[in-house]
Amino acid sequence: SAARLALGATLRNYREELGLSQEQLGYRARLHRNYVGSAERGERNVAFEALSRWLVALGVSWASFGEKLDRALKGLGVH
């Protein structure tokens, strides 16, 4: 779905800004790198607990994430 694609793209953007590999992020967030990759590609729904650990590992606030996700959704015409 467009929402999953926007979520994945937003998370990937944050990860790439920090110069982290999917494996490095997975280690920090206690998520398998395959989970990280499939979520970034929009292939899976991300569980709330996983998203929470992901944002902590990236050092991103929920507010900042929400704003960036909102822009991504608008860019896809979802909002």
C-alpha atoms as a PDB file:
ATOM      1  CA  SER A   1       0.000   0.000   0.000  1.00  0.00           C
ATOM      2  CA  ALA A   2       1.015   3.618  -0.403  1.00  0.00           C
ATOM      3  CA  ALA A   3       1.035   4.070   3.376  1.00  0.00           C
ATOM      4  CA  ARG A   4       3.503   1.184   3.859  1.00  0.00           C
ATOM      5  CA  LEU A   5       5.689   2.564   1.051  1.00  0.00           C
ATOM      6  CA  ALA A   6       5.723   6.009   2.678  1.00  0.00           C
ATOM      7  CA  LEU A   7       6.531   4.530   6.083  1.00  0.00           C
ATOM      8  CA  GLY A   8       9.363   2.446   4.663  1.00  0.00           C
ATOM      9  CA  ALA A   9      10.815   5.316   2.656  1.00  0.00           C
ATOM     10  CA  THR A  10      10.732   7.585   5.698  1.00  0.00           C
ATOM     11  CA  LEU A  11      12.500   5.029   7.867  1.00  0.00           C
ATOM     12  CA  ARG A  12      15.087   4.326   5.147  1.00  0.00           C
ATOM     13  CA  ASN A  13      15.756   8.046   4.773  1.00  0.00           C
ATOM     14  CA  TYR A  14      16.506   8.411   8.488  1.00  0.00           C
ATOM     15  CA  ARG A  15      18.761   5.332   8.432  1.00  0.00           C
ATOM     16  CA  GLU A  16      20.686   6.547   5.396  1.00  0.00           C
ATOM     17  CA  GLU A  17      21.114  10.023   6.905  1.00  0.00           C
ATOM     18  CA  LEU A  18      22.970   8.344   9.775  1.00  0.00           C
ATOM     19  CA  GLY A  19      25.042   6.220   7.391  1.00  0.00           C
ATOM     20  CA  LEU A  20      23.797   2.970   8.920  1.00  0.00           C
ATOM     21  CA  SER A  21      23.387  -0.315   7.081  1.00  0.00           C
ATOM     22  CA  GLN A  22      20.190  -2.301   7.547  1.00  0.00           C
ATOM     23  CA  GLU A  23      22.199  -4.775   9.583  1.00  0.00           C
ATOM     24  CA  GLN A  24      23.605  -2.042  11.857  1.00  0.00           C
ATOM     25  CA  LEU A  25      20.164  -0.598  12.430  1.00  0.00           C
ATOM     26  CA  GLY A  26      18.730  -4.035  13.081  1.00  0.00           C
ATOM     27  CA  TYR A  27      21.385  -4.654  15.725  1.00  0.00           C
ATOM     28  CA  ARG A  28      20.688  -1.322  17.431  1.00  0.00           C
ATOM     29  CA  ALA A  29      16.920  -1.812  17.361  1.00  0.00           C
ATOM     30  CA  ARG A  30      16.993  -5.576  18.082  1.00  0.00           C
ATOM     31  CA  LEU A  31      15.331  -6.294  14.731  1.00  0.00           C
ATOM     32  CA  HIS A  32      16.448  -8.771  12.085  1.00  0.00           C
ATOM     33  CA  ARG A  33      17.986  -7.094   9.024  1.00  0.00           C
ATOM     34  CA  ASN A  34      15.474  -8.921   6.814  1.00  0.00           C
ATOM     35  CA  TYR A  35      12.667  -7.293   8.796  1.00  0.00           C
ATOM     36  CA  VAL A  36      14.312  -3.887   8.326  1.00  0.00           C
ATOM     37  CA  GLY A  37      14.713  -4.421   4.587  1.00  0.00           C
ATOM     38  CA  SER A  38      11.201  -5.681   3.941  1.00  0.00           C
ATOM     39  CA  ALA A  39       9.710  -2.865   6.028  1.00  0.00           C
ATOM     40  CA  GLU A  40      11.742  -0.252   4.143  1.00  0.00           C
ATOM     41  CA  ARG A  41      10.469  -1.696   0.850  1.00  0.00           C
ATOM     42  CA  GLY A  42       6.861  -1.456   2.090  1.00  0.00           C
ATOM     43  CA  GLU A  43       6.398  -5.215   2.016  1.00  0.00           C
ATOM     44  CA  ARG A  44       5.184  -5.585   5.596  1.00  0.00           C
ATOM     45  CA  ASN A  45       3.184  -3.833   8.249  1.00  0.00           C
ATOM     46  CA  VAL A  46       5.512  -2.609  10.966  1.00  0.00           C
ATOM     47  CA  ALA A  47       4.461  -3.500  14.493  1.00  0.00           C
ATOM     48  CA  PHE A  48       4.182  -0.611  16.934  1.00  0.00           C
ATOM     49  CA  GLU A  49       6.799  -2.125  19.259  1.00  0.00           C
ATOM     50  CA  ALA A  50       9.244  -2.560  16.354  1.00  0.00           C
ATOM     51  CA  LEU A  51       8.643   1.013  15.177  1.00  0.00           C
ATOM     52  CA  SER A  52       9.234   2.308  18.687  1.00  0.00           C
ATOM     53  CA  ARG A  53      12.580   0.463  18.960  1.00  0.00           C
ATOM     54  CA  TRP A  54      13.472   1.608  15.433  1.00  0.00           C
ATOM     55  CA  LEU A  55      12.943   5.282  16.287  1.00  0.00           C
ATOM     56  CA  VAL A  56      14.923   4.984  19.534  1.00  0.00           C
ATOM     57  CA  ALA A  57      17.788   3.346  17.631  1.00  0.00           C
ATOM     58  CA  LEU A  58      17.738   6.215  15.131  1.00  0.00           C
ATOM     59  CA  GLY A  59      17.431   8.888  17.840  1.00  0.00           C
ATOM     60  CA  VAL A  60      14.258  10.214  16.203  1.00  0.00           C
ATOM     61  CA  SER A  61      11.289  11.589  18.129  1.00  0.00           C
ATOM     62  CA  TRP A  62       7.763  10.468  17.341  1.00  0.00           C
ATOM     63  CA  ALA A  63       6.892  14.080  16.486  1.00  0.00           C
ATOM     64  CA  SER A  64       9.717  14.436  13.990  1.00  0.00           C
ATOM     65  CA  PHE A  65       8.909  11.064  12.467  1.00  0.00           C
ATOM     66  CA  GLY A  66       5.235  11.949  12.183  1.00  0.00           C
ATOM     67  CA  GLU A  67       5.990  15.193  10.366  1.00  0.00           C
ATOM     68  CA  LYS A  68       8.330  13.492   7.890  1.00  0.00           C
ATOM     69  CA  LEU A  69       5.875  10.638   7.324  1.00  0.00           C
ATOM     70  CA  ASP A  70       3.068  13.129   6.736  1.00  0.00           C
ATOM     71  CA  ARG A  71       5.139  14.850   4.031  1.00  0.00           C
ATOM     72  CA  ALA A  72       5.878  11.484   2.403  1.00  0.00           C
ATOM     73  CA  LEU A  73       2.201  10.568   2.401  1.00  0.00           C
ATOM     74  CA  LYS A  74       1.240  13.902   0.862  1.00  0.00           C
ATOM     75  CA  GLY A  75       3.910  13.360  -1.795  1.00  0.00           C
ATOM     76  CA  LEU A  76       2.218  10.083  -2.699  1.00  0.00           C
ATOM     77  CA  GLY A  77      -1.207  11.737  -2.746  1.00  0.00           C
ATOM     78  CA  VAL A  78      -2.452   9.751   0.237  1.00  0.00           C
ATOM     79  CA  HIS A  79      -3.256  12.752   2.417  1.00  0.00           C
END
